[in-house]
């Protein structure tokens, strides 16, 4: 039996550009070269100029090979490019750089969601991982984190038992398959 409190879930970083009045109008951006690196990956470079509307820049980012996805967000008045890491955790933080018009990705308030690791209390021990699926904390047990424990909330008790009947059934399937192959080879 494990007593678990989820302090916080792992999340992927989302960084947003400045605001623009149109998604498909040219002339909204200047000339620029945006470099982005996810975690320790080699930075990729995305070049654009005033002939590129936001749609085109998003497509260039998505086809750049970076482990990040670009999408457009319309808040009811303006459009923004959102770039989100494909993986959760601090190790998958996106770093932006480049030259020229950096579309606002270099602004101090550009991160809409910061990269964060999952953190749980398991029987009183703090455990952190970059994913919300913890497969290596206890041998043979996977903890799939779905929500955070409310502040002041109590731990959730989780019981795990070996599935002897399931293991027996799996072994019987393996033995039956081996016997079928053996019979076929002998024939």
Protein backbone atom coordinates (compact mmCIF):
# COMPACT_ATOMS: atom_id res chain seq x y z
CA UNK A 1 0.00 0.00 0.00
CA UNK A 2 1.36 3.41 -0.98
CA UNK A 3 0.22 6.78 0.36
CA UNK A 4 0.52 9.36 -2.41
CA UNK A 5 0.16 13.12 -2.54
CA UNK A 6 0.63 14.81 -5.91
CA UNK A 7 2.28 18.18 -5.26
CA UNK A 8 2.18 19.10 -8.95
CA UNK A 9 1.89 17.51 -12.36
CA UNK A 10 4.58 17.69 -15.00
CA UNK A 11 3.83 20.17 -17.75
CA UNK A 12 5.27 21.19 -21.09
CA UNK A 13 6.50 24.73 -21.68
CA UNK A 14 4.35 26.97 -23.86
CA UNK A 15 5.84 30.24 -25.05
CA UNK A 16 3.83 32.83 -26.93
CA UNK A 17 4.74 35.53 -29.40
CA UNK A 18 3.63 39.12 -29.36
CA UNK A 19 0.12 39.94 -30.63
CA UNK A 20 -0.85 40.35 -34.29
CA UNK A 21 -4.08 41.47 -35.93
CA UNK A 22 -4.21 38.77 -38.61
CA UNK A 23 -3.10 35.18 -39.08
CA UNK A 24 -2.68 35.26 -42.86
CA UNK A 25 -1.72 38.84 -43.68
CA UNK A 26 1.79 39.56 -44.91
CA UNK A 27 3.83 42.48 -43.66
CA UNK A 28 3.04 41.94 -39.96
CA UNK A 29 6.51 40.71 -39.03
CA UNK A 30 9.97 41.98 -39.80
CA UNK A 31 13.00 40.05 -40.98
CA UNK A 32 14.20 37.57 -38.42
CA UNK A 33 15.93 34.33 -37.69
CA UNK A 34 14.48 32.48 -34.71
CA UNK A 35 16.48 29.69 -33.14
CA UNK A 36 14.86 27.28 -30.75
CA UNK A 37 16.24 24.33 -28.82
CA UNK A 38 14.29 21.88 -26.70
CA UNK A 39 16.31 20.60 -23.76
CA UNK A 40 19.80 19.63 -24.84
CA UNK A 41 18.84 19.26 -28.52
CA UNK A 42 20.80 21.21 -31.11
CA UNK A 43 19.06 24.50 -31.85
CA UNK A 44 17.16 24.73 -35.13
CA UNK A 45 16.84 27.96 -37.06
CA UNK A 46 13.66 29.31 -38.63
CA UNK A 47 14.08 32.24 -41.03
CA UNK A 48 11.20 34.53 -42.00
CA UNK A 49 10.56 37.94 -43.50
CA UNK A 50 7.64 40.34 -44.05
CA UNK A 51 6.27 38.11 -46.84
CA UNK A 52 5.53 35.39 -44.25
CA UNK A 53 2.14 35.52 -42.48
CA UNK A 54 1.83 33.88 -39.05
CA UNK A 55 0.41 30.69 -40.62
CA UNK A 56 3.59 30.31 -42.66
CA UNK A 57 5.88 30.88 -39.67
CA UNK A 58 3.97 28.25 -37.66
CA UNK A 59 4.40 25.80 -40.54
CA UNK A 60 8.14 26.55 -40.70
CA UNK A 61 8.52 25.92 -36.97
CA UNK A 62 6.54 22.67 -37.20
CA UNK A 63 8.68 21.39 -40.08
CA UNK A 64 11.99 22.51 -38.52
CA UNK A 65 12.66 19.23 -36.74
CA UNK A 66 12.48 20.77 -33.27
CA UNK A 67 10.61 18.73 -30.65
CA UNK A 68 8.07 21.54 -30.39
CA UNK A 69 4.74 22.37 -31.98
CA UNK A 70 3.62 25.81 -33.14
CA UNK A 71 -0.03 26.77 -33.27
CA UNK A 72 -2.04 29.96 -33.60
CA UNK A 73 -4.19 31.25 -30.77
CA UNK A 74 -6.92 33.83 -31.31
CA UNK A 75 -7.98 35.57 -28.08
CA UNK A 76 -10.97 37.30 -29.66
CA UNK A 77 -9.00 40.36 -30.73
CA UNK A 78 -5.46 39.33 -31.63
CA UNK A 79 -3.47 36.32 -32.82
CA UNK A 80 -0.38 34.85 -31.19
CA UNK A 81 1.98 32.08 -32.15
CA UNK A 82 2.23 29.52 -29.35
CA UNK A 83 5.22 27.17 -29.30
CA UNK A 84 4.84 24.16 -27.00
CA UNK A 85 7.42 21.51 -26.18
CA UNK A 86 6.33 18.02 -27.24
CA UNK A 87 7.52 16.62 -23.90
CA UNK A 88 6.85 17.60 -20.30
CA UNK A 89 9.44 18.41 -17.67
CA UNK A 90 12.19 20.90 -16.97
CA UNK A 91 14.65 18.85 -19.06
CA UNK A 92 12.50 19.70 -22.12
CA UNK A 93 12.46 23.46 -21.63
CA UNK A 94 12.54 25.53 -24.85
CA UNK A 95 15.30 28.09 -25.28
CA UNK A 96 14.75 30.89 -27.82
CA UNK A 97 17.34 33.05 -29.50
CA UNK A 98 18.14 34.45 -32.91
CA UNK A 99 18.46 37.79 -34.57
CA UNK A 100 16.24 40.49 -35.96
CA UNK A 101 12.52 40.45 -35.18
CA UNK A 102 12.14 37.64 -32.62
CA UNK A 103 8.31 37.91 -32.71
CA UNK A 104 8.19 38.61 -28.97
CA UNK A 105 9.47 35.16 -27.97
CA UNK A 106 12.30 36.93 -26.14
CA UNK A 107 9.96 39.03 -23.94
CA UNK A 108 10.19 38.52 -20.19
CA UNK A 109 6.51 37.52 -20.00
CA UNK A 110 6.52 35.28 -23.10
CA UNK A 111 6.17 32.00 -21.20
CA UNK A 112 2.49 31.24 -20.83
CA UNK A 113 3.27 27.90 -19.15
CA UNK A 114 6.64 27.09 -17.60
CA UNK A 115 8.20 23.65 -18.01
CA UNK A 116 7.80 21.71 -14.78
CA UNK A 117 8.53 18.23 -13.42
CA UNK A 118 5.95 16.13 -11.63
CA UNK A 119 6.46 15.96 -7.88
CA UNK A 120 4.79 13.51 -5.53
CA UNK A 121 5.11 12.49 -1.90
CA UNK A 122 5.24 8.68 -1.79
CA UNK A 123 5.03 7.37 1.78
CA UNK A 124 6.65 10.62 2.92
CA UNK A 125 9.48 10.64 0.34
CA UNK A 126 9.63 13.36 -2.32
CA UNK A 127 9.88 11.96 -5.86
CA UNK A 128 10.26 14.06 -9.04
CA UNK A 129 10.07 12.97 -12.68
CA UNK A 130 9.74 14.77 -15.99
CA UNK A 131 6.62 12.77 -16.92
CA UNK A 132 3.20 12.19 -15.36
CA UNK A 133 3.64 8.46 -15.89
CA UNK A 134 6.05 7.20 -13.24
CA UNK A 135 7.28 3.76 -14.26
CA UNK A 136 10.54 3.46 -12.34
CA UNK A 137 9.62 4.48 -8.79
CA UNK A 138 8.46 1.04 -7.57
CA UNK A 139 9.38 -2.11 -9.52
CA UNK A 140 6.42 -3.40 -11.51
CA UNK A 141 4.13 -0.48 -10.64
CA UNK A 142 3.19 2.45 -12.90
CA UNK A 143 1.73 5.57 -11.33
CA UNK A 144 -0.24 7.60 -13.90
CA UNK A 145 -0.78 11.00 -12.33
CA UNK A 146 -4.09 12.64 -13.28
CA UNK A 147 -4.56 15.55 -10.87
CA UNK A 148 -2.88 17.39 -8.04
CA UNK A 149 -3.78 16.85 -4.41
CA UNK A 150 -5.61 19.97 -3.20
CA UNK A 151 -3.68 22.17 -0.75
CA UNK A 152 -4.18 20.73 2.71
CA UNK A 153 -5.65 17.54 1.20
CA UNK A 154 -4.78 14.13 2.54
CA UNK A 155 -2.77 11.44 0.79
CA UNK A 156 -4.50 8.84 -1.35
CA UNK A 157 -3.89 5.21 -0.44
CA UNK A 158 -3.13 2.98 -3.41
CA UNK A 159 -2.80 -0.80 -3.10
CA UNK A 160 -0.94 -2.89 -5.64
CA UNK A 161 -0.94 -6.68 -5.75
CA UNK A 162 0.58 -9.24 -8.07
CA UNK A 163 -1.93 -10.60 -10.55
CA UNK A 164 -1.19 -14.32 -10.12
CA UNK A 165 -4.14 -15.40 -12.29
CA UNK A 166 -3.11 -13.03 -15.08
CA UNK A 167 0.50 -14.24 -14.90
CA UNK A 168 -0.67 -17.86 -14.96
CA UNK A 169 -2.84 -17.15 -18.03
CA UNK A 170 0.03 -15.43 -19.85
CA UNK A 171 2.38 -18.35 -19.12
CA UNK A 172 -0.24 -20.85 -20.30
CA UNK A 173 -0.62 -18.91 -23.58
CA UNK A 174 3.17 -19.03 -24.04
CA UNK A 175 3.31 -22.77 -23.32
CA UNK A 176 0.42 -23.46 -25.72
CA UNK A 177 2.11 -21.44 -28.47
CA UNK A 178 5.41 -23.28 -27.91
CA UNK A 179 3.63 -26.64 -28.04
CA UNK A 180 1.89 -25.66 -31.30
CA UNK A 181 5.22 -24.70 -32.87
CA UNK A 182 6.88 -27.86 -31.58
CA UNK A 183 4.09 -30.01 -33.04
CA UNK A 184 4.38 -28.23 -36.40
CA UNK A 185 8.18 -28.69 -36.47
CA UNK A 186 7.90 -32.38 -35.61
CA UNK A 187 5.31 -32.89 -38.35
